Amino acid sequence: MKTYTHGMMFIVLTLCAVCWGCASRQVATCTTPEDNPKLHYVTGMELVGKGDFEAGRQRLERAISCSADFSPAYDGLAIAAAHIAADATDPAVRAAEEGRAEGYLKKALRDTRNNEDRFAHLIAVIRSQTALGGKNFIGTAKAAYGRADGLDIKEADLLYYQGKEAIDYYMGIAYRQASEFREAKGRFEAVLNAKKAGKWNGPADRAWKETDRVVRAMAGITVSDLGRKIAVKRAVTRAELTALLTHDFAPAALSPKGAGNRPHPSPVPADVASSPIRDEILGALNWNLRGLEPSYDAASGAYLFNGARAVKRGEMALLLEDMVIRIAGDEKIASAYLGHEKSPFTDIPPTSRFYNAAMNATTRGLMEGEAGGVFLVDEPVSGADAVLALRSLQQKMQGH
């Protein structure tokens, strides 16, 4: 009997040792100073803010593996999932990511420990709802914003957001998404008035200016309200810009004969036949404007117009320069700024093929440089900037 009892005790002790060893290994998941939930959370949120949602998700998941009840990381995962859902073309993928976003928000709310966690959670509600859209997303965002009012926040403990004005910034983004531009500008102004300098001042200043440009662009009445519809877009496509040129700004100076001795455009792009604005694209191609020219696709062995591709700011500058040259009838404009030793734009050297066009567009008030002395030549041109540029050019045309 004693032998049996001793044997059982040995087995129990062995199992306990094994379990203790397993537990020890589980607890020791994140042991080095840099492998900690707060660092992974902040890095993950920065990646999400830059639009790298998958990489951000990985870092936020690592934060959770280090601390299973770390509420802010679940909020970050909800934001990432909402953006991935919004970008998904597969309905099944979108539905799955929406479900994840909802689940993460519920987990985050359940694990909140203090007002700072609650504040981060309310911002996550606003951000995820704004990304997903929906019929009443702005109502949900407003409710979350209202619940944040009165929370006693220690800004030093807001690991990523760093200041209470962050919620004003993201509420401004939500209002802008809902086309409530007056309210959006008010929230951005609240950020700028909160502190002389802060993490959200730069983004709020840019967002205020962008919103103001949208309001000004929408002020004009255009054919079928096309300009108003395009003005709210963060990026205008080649097809949209072509439709805008053709229907709302169609200048006689850009008729085919206005192309002078420029070479005839490439053969009709292979992807134009099925376009709903086929006639408009073919008409615009006859103008032979730089920035809208078709390009050769080696994979298909054909020229393509790529109507769904966003127009870059550098391409917009080239297009505007060509239009200015045609309207003024002065080819010297094409080389007016060549030979400069120093560029006012840090991202466009004087030797760049975009330099002369960017200088012509900005000095004539058709486009604007961005803060920090950059032109952002490779960034998409916004719908508002496209509408304002063409409207300004149209006004200048009236004198010719």
Protein backbone atom coordinates (compact mmCIF):
# COMPACT_ATOMS: atom_id res chain seq x y z
CA MET A 1 0.00 0.00 0.00
CA LYS A 2 2.84 2.32 0.89
CA THR A 3 4.51 1.53 -2.41
CA TYR A 4 1.30 2.43 -4.26
CA THR A 5 0.94 5.68 -2.31
CA HIS A 6 4.54 6.67 -2.95
CA GLY A 7 4.10 5.88 -6.64
CA MET A 8 1.03 8.08 -6.90
CA MET A 9 2.80 10.90 -5.15
CA PHE A 10 5.71 10.61 -7.56
CA ILE A 11 3.35 10.82 -10.54
CA VAL A 12 1.54 13.84 -9.11
CA LEU A 13 4.79 15.64 -8.38
CA THR A 14 6.08 14.85 -11.85
CA LEU A 15 2.91 16.24 -13.46
CA CYS A 16 3.14 19.36 -11.32
CA ALA A 17 6.74 19.86 -12.39
CA VAL A 18 5.82 19.46 -16.02
CA CYS A 19 2.89 21.88 -15.70
CA TRP A 20 5.05 24.36 -13.83
CA GLY A 21 7.63 24.16 -16.58
CA CYS A 22 4.95 24.78 -19.23
CA ALA A 23 3.56 27.70 -17.28
CA SER A 24 7.04 29.13 -16.90
CA ARG A 25 7.59 28.95 -20.62
CA GLN A 26 4.21 30.64 -21.31
CA VAL A 27 4.85 33.48 -18.86
CA ALA A 28 8.29 34.10 -20.34
CA THR A 29 6.88 34.99 -23.77
CA CYS A 30 8.32 38.54 -23.83
CA THR A 31 11.52 38.73 -21.79
CA THR A 32 13.82 41.31 -23.40
CA PRO A 33 13.40 45.05 -22.73
CA GLU A 34 12.45 45.87 -26.31
CA ASP A 35 9.96 42.98 -26.55
CA ASN A 36 7.18 44.56 -24.52
CA PRO A 37 3.49 45.30 -25.18
CA LYS A 38 3.75 49.09 -24.99
CA LEU A 39 6.52 49.28 -27.58
CA HIS A 40 4.75 46.86 -29.92
CA TYR A 41 1.50 48.80 -29.49
CA VAL A 42 3.00 52.19 -30.35
CA THR A 43 4.92 50.79 -33.34
CA GLY A 44 1.83 48.94 -34.54
CA MET A 45 -0.31 52.08 -34.30
CA GLU A 46 2.27 54.09 -36.24
CA LEU A 47 2.22 51.48 -39.00
CA VAL A 48 -1.58 51.57 -39.08
CA GLY A 49 -1.45 55.36 -39.28
CA LYS A 50 0.81 55.07 -42.33
CA GLY A 51 -1.64 52.69 -44.01
CA ASP A 52 0.47 49.54 -43.54
CA PHE A 53 -2.37 47.65 -41.90
CA GLU A 54 -0.99 44.10 -42.14
CA ALA A 55 2.37 45.04 -40.64
CA GLY A 56 0.59 47.06 -37.97
CA ARG A 57 -1.64 44.11 -37.19
CA GLN A 58 1.39 41.87 -36.65
CA ARG A 59 2.94 44.23 -34.10
CA LEU A 60 -0.36 44.70 -32.30
CA GLU A 61 -0.85 40.94 -32.13
CA ARG A 62 2.63 40.71 -30.63
CA ALA A 63 1.56 43.23 -27.99
CA ILE A 64 -1.37 40.95 -27.13
CA SER A 65 0.91 37.92 -26.93
CA CYS A 66 2.99 39.82 -24.36
CA SER A 67 -0.07 40.98 -22.39
CA ALA A 68 -3.34 39.21 -23.16
CA ASP A 69 -5.53 41.90 -21.57
CA PHE A 70 -3.79 44.97 -23.05
CA SER A 71 -6.87 46.93 -24.07
CA PRO A 72 -5.29 49.59 -26.36
CA ALA A 73 -3.77 46.87 -28.58
CA TYR A 74 -7.21 45.37 -29.18
CA ASP A 75 -8.42 48.84 -30.16
CA GLY A 76 -5.57 49.10 -32.64
CA LEU A 77 -6.42 45.69 -34.08
CA ALA A 78 -10.01 46.86 -34.54
CA ILE A 79 -8.84 49.89 -36.51
CA ALA A 80 -6.56 47.77 -38.70
CA ALA A 81 -9.31 45.22 -39.35
CA ALA A 82 -11.79 47.97 -40.27
CA HIS A 83 -9.40 49.43 -42.85
CA ILE A 84 -8.60 46.00 -44.29
CA ALA A 85 -12.34 45.38 -44.57
CA ALA A 86 -12.89 48.71 -46.29
CA ASP A 87 -10.18 47.93 -48.85
CA ALA A 88 -11.38 44.37 -49.51
CA THR A 89 -12.94 43.59 -52.88
CA ASP A 90 -14.09 40.13 -51.80
CA PRO A 91 -17.39 40.37 -49.84
CA ALA A 92 -16.43 37.34 -47.73
CA VAL A 93 -13.14 38.95 -46.72
CA ARG A 94 -14.87 42.21 -45.89
CA ALA A 95 -17.47 40.45 -43.74
CA ALA A 96 -14.79 38.48 -41.90
CA GLU A 97 -12.70 41.59 -41.18
CA GLU A 98 -15.77 43.54 -40.05
CA GLY A 99 -16.50 40.71 -37.62
CA ARG A 100 -12.94 40.85 -36.32
CA ALA A 101 -13.14 44.62 -35.85
CA GLU A 102 -16.34 44.27 -33.84
CA GLY A 103 -14.86 41.47 -31.73
CA TYR A 104 -11.68 43.42 -31.00
CA LEU A 105 -13.68 46.46 -29.89
CA LYS A 106 -15.73 44.35 -27.50
CA LYS A 107 -12.57 42.78 -26.05
CA ALA A 108 -10.92 46.18 -25.71
CA LEU A 109 -13.92 47.62 -23.85
CA ARG A 110 -14.03 44.64 -21.51
CA ASP A 111 -10.34 45.02 -20.63
CA THR A 112 -10.25 48.80 -20.07
CA ARG A 113 -8.62 49.61 -16.75
CA ASN A 114 -8.58 53.40 -16.59
CA ASN A 115 -9.75 56.57 -18.33
CA GLU A 116 -6.78 56.51 -20.69
CA ASP A 117 -7.85 53.06 -21.93
CA ARG A 118 -11.43 54.27 -22.29
CA PHE A 119 -10.28 57.32 -24.23
CA ALA A 120 -8.23 55.20 -26.64
CA HIS A 121 -11.23 52.90 -27.04
CA LEU A 122 -13.56 55.76 -27.97
CA ILE A 123 -11.09 56.99 -30.59
CA ALA A 124 -10.92 53.44 -31.94
CA VAL A 125 -14.72 53.42 -32.29
CA ILE A 126 -14.58 56.68 -34.26
CA ARG A 127 -11.71 55.52 -36.47
CA SER A 128 -13.11 52.06 -37.22
CA GLN A 129 -16.59 53.39 -37.96
CA THR A 130 -15.14 56.06 -40.25
CA ALA A 131 -13.15 53.43 -42.15
CA LEU A 132 -16.13 51.11 -42.54
CA GLY A 133 -18.65 53.82 -43.39
CA GLY A 134 -22.23 52.63 -43.40
CA LYS A 135 -25.55 54.39 -43.12
CA ASN A 136 -25.15 55.81 -39.62
CA PHE A 137 -21.41 55.69 -39.01
CA ILE A 138 -21.32 59.39 -38.21
CA GLY A 139 -24.01 58.94 -35.55
CA THR A 140 -21.96 56.23 -33.86
CA ALA A 141 -18.84 58.41 -34.10
CA LYS A 142 -20.66 61.38 -32.56
CA ALA A 143 -21.89 59.22 -29.68
CA ALA A 144 -18.34 58.02 -28.97
CA TYR A 145 -17.03 61.58 -29.14
CA GLY A 146 -19.71 62.68 -26.67
CA ARG A 147 -18.79 59.93 -24.20
CA ALA A 148 -15.19 61.15 -24.16
CA ASP A 149 -16.29 64.56 -22.92
CA GLY A 150 -15.54 64.93 -19.23
CA LEU A 151 -13.09 62.04 -18.96
CA ASP A 152 -10.21 63.00 -16.68
CA ILE A 153 -7.21 62.06 -18.82
CA LYS A 154 -3.52 61.93 -17.98
CA GLU A 155 -2.05 62.82 -21.34
CA ALA A 156 1.35 61.38 -20.40
CA ASP A 157 -0.32 57.97 -20.15
CA LEU A 158 -1.76 58.14 -23.68
CA LEU A 159 1.01 56.01 -25.16
CA TYR A 160 0.25 56.62 -28.82
CA TYR A 161 -2.19 59.55 -28.94
CA GLN A 162 -0.18 61.74 -26.51
CA GLY A 163 -2.85 64.43 -26.27
CA LYS A 164 -6.59 64.79 -25.78
CA GLU A 165 -6.85 66.76 -29.01
CA ALA A 166 -6.37 63.47 -30.90
CA ILE A 167 -10.08 62.76 -30.59
CA ASP A 168 -10.91 66.13 -32.18
CA TYR A 169 -8.65 65.28 -35.10
CA TYR A 170 -10.29 61.91 -35.76
CA MET A 171 -13.77 63.34 -35.25
CA GLY A 172 -12.85 65.91 -37.90
CA ILE A 173 -11.86 63.08 -40.23
CA ALA A 174 -15.23 61.42 -39.53
CA TYR A 175 -17.15 64.62 -40.28
CA ARG A 176 -15.21 65.08 -43.51
CA GLN A 177 -15.99 61.51 -44.52
CA ALA A 178 -19.67 62.28 -43.92
CA SER A 179 -19.36 65.46 -46.06
CA GLU A 180 -20.14 67.62 -43.02
CA PHE A 181 -17.34 70.02 -43.87
CA ARG A 182 -18.20 72.91 -41.56
CA GLU A 183 -18.13 70.57 -38.56
CA ALA A 184 -14.92 68.97 -39.83
CA LYS A 185 -13.14 72.32 -40.04
CA GLY A 186 -14.36 73.12 -36.53
CA ARG A 187 -12.76 69.96 -35.10
CA PHE A 188 -9.49 70.59 -36.92
CA GLU A 189 -9.48 74.15 -35.61
CA ALA A 190 -10.00 72.78 -32.09
CA VAL A 191 -6.80 70.75 -32.48
CA LEU A 192 -4.86 73.79 -33.66
CA ASN A 193 -6.19 75.88 -30.77
CA ALA A 194 -5.48 73.22 -28.14
CA LYS A 195 -1.70 73.52 -28.20
CA LYS A 196 0.93 75.59 -29.94
CA ALA A 197 2.72 72.40 -30.87
CA GLY A 198 1.67 68.81 -30.59
CA LYS A 199 1.57 65.50 -32.39
CA TRP A 200 -1.73 66.30 -34.13
CA ASN A 201 -1.09 69.93 -35.12
CA GLY A 202 0.58 69.10 -38.42
CA PRO A 203 -2.03 66.56 -39.52
CA ALA A 204 -4.86 68.86 -38.40
CA ASP A 205 -3.40 71.81 -40.30
CA ARG A 206 -3.14 69.75 -43.49
CA ALA A 207 -6.63 68.33 -42.98
CA TRP A 208 -8.07 71.83 -42.43
CA LYS A 209 -6.50 73.07 -45.67
CA GLU A 210 -7.68 69.99 -47.59
CA THR A 211 -11.22 70.44 -46.26
CA ASP A 212 -11.19 74.12 -47.13
CA ARG A 213 -10.12 73.26 -50.68
CA VAL A 214 -12.98 70.76 -50.94
CA VAL A 215 -15.48 73.42 -49.85
CA ARG A 216 -14.13 75.89 -52.41
CA ALA A 217 -14.09 73.26 -55.15
CA MET A 218 -17.69 72.29 -54.46
CA ALA A 219 -18.86 75.90 -54.64
CA GLY A 220 -19.05 75.93 -58.43
CA ILE A 221 -21.96 74.36 -60.29
CA THR A 222 -20.77 71.89 -62.91
CA VAL A 223 -22.40 69.57 -65.42
CA SER A 224 -24.34 66.83 -63.61
CA ASP A 225 -22.58 67.91 -60.41
CA LEU A 226 -19.56 65.97 -61.65
CA GLY A 227 -17.12 68.45 -60.15
CA ARG A 228 -18.81 68.28 -56.75
CA LYS A 229 -18.69 64.50 -56.75
CA ILE A 230 -15.03 64.45 -57.68
CA ALA A 231 -14.08 67.26 -55.26
CA VAL A 232 -14.58 65.07 -52.19
CA LYS A 233 -12.30 62.28 -53.44
CA ARG A 234 -8.87 61.90 -51.86
CA ALA A 235 -7.49 60.76 -55.23
CA VAL A 236 -8.84 61.44 -58.71
CA THR A 237 -8.51 58.75 -61.36
CA ARG A 238 -7.47 59.22 -64.98
CA ALA A 239 -11.01 58.43 -66.14
CA GLU A 240 -12.52 60.94 -63.71
CA LEU A 241 -10.07 63.65 -64.73
CA THR A 242 -10.85 62.96 -68.39
CA ALA A 243 -14.59 63.27 -67.76
CA LEU A 244 -14.01 66.49 -65.83
CA LEU A 245 -11.95 67.96 -68.65
CA THR A 246 -14.42 66.92 -71.33
CA HIS A 247 -17.71 67.92 -69.70
CA ASP A 248 -16.93 70.78 -67.37
CA PHE A 249 -13.85 72.49 -68.79
CA ALA A 250 -13.74 71.44 -72.49
CA PRO A 251 -11.59 74.32 -73.81
CA ALA A 252 -11.73 75.07 -77.53
CA ALA A 253 -8.01 75.85 -77.39
CA LEU A 254 -7.41 72.14 -76.85
CA SER A 255 -9.14 70.95 -80.00
CA PRO A 256 -7.08 68.50 -82.08
CA LYS A 257 -5.76 71.30 -84.29
CA GLY A 258 -4.51 73.02 -81.14
CA ALA A 259 -1.94 70.28 -80.74
CA GLY A 260 0.26 71.94 -83.32
CA ASN A 261 3.03 69.76 -84.63
CA ARG A 262 3.03 67.41 -81.66
CA PRO A 263 3.11 63.74 -82.65
CA HIS A 264 -0.19 61.92 -82.89
CA PRO A 265 -0.96 59.90 -79.77
CA SER A 266 -0.27 56.17 -79.61
CA PRO A 267 -2.80 53.72 -81.05
CA VAL A 268 -6.18 53.52 -79.35
CA PRO A 269 -5.58 51.88 -75.95
CA ALA A 270 -6.85 48.31 -75.71
CA ASP A 271 -8.75 48.95 -72.47
CA VAL A 272 -10.81 51.89 -73.76
CA ALA A 273 -13.40 49.95 -75.76
CA SER A 274 -15.22 48.71 -72.66
CA SER A 275 -15.07 52.03 -70.78
CA PRO A 276 -18.39 53.79 -70.11
CA ILE A 277 -16.72 57.06 -71.13
CA ARG A 278 -15.04 55.70 -74.26
CA ASP A 279 -15.89 58.74 -76.38
CA GLU A 280 -14.58 61.18 -73.78
CA ILE A 281 -11.28 59.30 -73.47
CA LEU A 282 -10.77 59.14 -77.22
CA GLY A 283 -11.54 62.86 -77.48
CA ALA A 284 -9.06 63.68 -74.72
CA LEU A 285 -6.37 61.54 -76.32
CA ASN A 286 -6.66 63.69 -79.45
CA TRP A 287 -5.51 66.62 -77.33
CA ASN A 288 -2.29 64.66 -76.76
CA LEU A 289 -1.69 66.06 -73.28
CA ARG A 290 1.20 64.90 -71.15
CA GLY A 291 -0.01 63.26 -67.96
CA LEU A 292 -2.93 61.58 -69.70
CA GLU A 293 -1.03 59.72 -72.40
CA PRO A 294 -1.51 55.92 -72.64
CA SER A 295 1.38 53.66 -71.68
CA TYR A 296 2.68 50.41 -73.10
CA ASP A 297 1.98 47.33 -70.97
CA ALA A 298 4.57 44.62 -71.60
CA ALA A 299 2.45 41.91 -69.99
CA SER A 300 -0.44 42.36 -72.43
CA GLY A 301 1.66 43.67 -75.30
CA ALA A 302 -0.70 46.61 -75.78
CA TYR A 303 -1.13 50.29 -74.97
CA LEU A 304 -3.44 50.90 -72.01
CA PHE A 305 -5.16 54.04 -70.76
CA ASN A 306 -5.47 52.73 -67.17
CA GLY A 307 -8.55 54.77 -66.36
CA ALA A 308 -8.84 53.47 -62.79
CA ARG A 309 -5.31 54.53 -61.85
CA ALA A 310 -4.92 57.64 -59.70
CA VAL A 311 -3.38 60.73 -61.31
CA LYS A 312 -0.15 61.74 -59.59
CA ARG A 313 0.58 65.37 -58.72
CA GLY A 314 3.56 65.38 -61.08
CA GLU A 315 1.35 64.15 -63.92
CA MET A 316 -1.23 66.82 -63.11
CA ALA A 317 1.48 69.47 -63.32
CA LEU A 318 2.55 68.20 -66.76
CA LEU A 319 -1.06 68.28 -67.97
CA LEU A 320 -1.60 71.82 -66.69
CA GLU A 321 1.65 73.02 -68.26
CA ASP A 322 0.59 71.63 -71.63
CA MET A 323 -2.76 73.37 -71.33
CA VAL A 324 -1.12 76.68 -70.42
CA ILE A 325 1.20 76.38 -73.43
CA ARG A 326 -1.73 75.71 -75.78
CA ILE A 327 -3.84 78.53 -74.38
CA ALA A 328 -1.00 81.09 -74.42
CA GLY A 329 0.41 79.82 -77.72
CA ASP A 330 3.90 80.12 -76.26
CA GLU A 331 6.20 77.09 -76.45
CA LYS A 332 8.85 78.94 -74.42
CA ILE A 333 6.80 78.18 -71.33
CA ALA A 334 7.99 74.56 -71.64
CA SER A 335 11.57 75.60 -70.79
CA ALA A 336 11.01 78.77 -68.73
CA TYR A 337 12.53 77.35 -65.52
CA LEU A 338 15.19 75.06 -66.93
CA GLY A 339 18.77 75.73 -65.90
CA HIS A 340 18.04 76.55 -62.25
CA GLU A 341 20.75 75.44 -59.86
CA LYS A 342 18.44 75.10 -56.85
CA SER A 343 14.85 73.92 -56.57
CA PRO A 344 12.30 75.33 -54.09
CA PHE A 345 11.00 71.77 -53.73
CA THR A 346 13.04 69.26 -51.77
CA ASP A 347 11.56 66.34 -53.72
CA ILE A 348 12.02 67.76 -57.25
CA PRO A 349 15.55 68.61 -58.39
CA PRO A 350 15.94 71.09 -61.27
CA THR A 351 16.93 68.19 -63.50
CA SER A 352 13.62 66.36 -62.96
CA ARG A 353 11.23 66.12 -65.89
CA PHE A 354 8.54 67.45 -63.55
CA TYR A 355 10.48 70.53 -62.40
CA ASN A 356 9.46 73.02 -65.09
CA ALA A 357 5.85 71.86 -64.97
CA ALA A 358 5.68 72.10 -61.17
CA MET A 359 7.13 75.61 -61.30
CA ASN A 360 4.65 76.67 -63.98
CA ALA A 361 1.72 75.18 -62.05
CA THR A 362 2.64 76.78 -58.71
CA THR A 363 3.76 80.21 -59.94
CA ARG A 364 0.51 80.54 -61.89
CA GLY A 365 -1.57 79.59 -58.86
CA LEU A 366 -2.88 76.37 -60.41
CA MET A 367 -1.34 74.09 -57.78
CA GLU A 368 0.24 74.55 -54.36
CA GLY A 369 3.33 73.10 -52.75
CA GLU A 370 2.96 71.34 -49.43
CA ALA A 371 4.32 72.11 -45.97
CA GLY A 372 8.01 71.45 -45.59
CA GLY A 373 8.86 72.63 -49.10
CA VAL A 374 7.73 69.50 -50.90
CA PHE A 375 5.59 69.15 -54.02
CA LEU A 376 4.75 65.45 -53.40
CA VAL A 377 5.25 64.69 -57.06
CA ASP A 378 4.41 60.99 -56.73
CA GLU A 379 1.36 61.41 -54.49
CA PRO A 380 -2.18 61.24 -55.93
CA VAL A 381 -3.78 64.57 -56.78
CA SER A 382 -6.98 65.10 -54.79
CA GLY A 383 -10.30 65.73 -56.46
CA ALA A 384 -10.50 69.19 -54.89
CA ASP A 385 -7.06 70.17 -56.19
CA ALA A 386 -7.94 68.94 -59.68
CA VAL A 387 -11.21 70.88 -59.76
CA LEU A 388 -9.64 74.06 -58.37
CA ALA A 389 -6.74 73.88 -60.82
CA LEU A 390 -8.97 73.44 -63.85
CA ARG A 391 -11.37 76.13 -62.67
CA SER A 392 -8.51 78.58 -62.20
CA LEU A 393 -7.17 77.72 -65.65
CA GLN A 394 -10.62 78.18 -67.15
CA GLN A 395 -10.81 81.67 -65.66
CA LYS A 396 -7.43 82.52 -67.16
CA MET A 397 -8.64 81.22 -70.53
CA GLN A 398 -11.38 83.82 -70.63
CA GLY A 399 -8.74 86.45 -71.38
CA HIS A 400 -7.55 84.57 -74.46
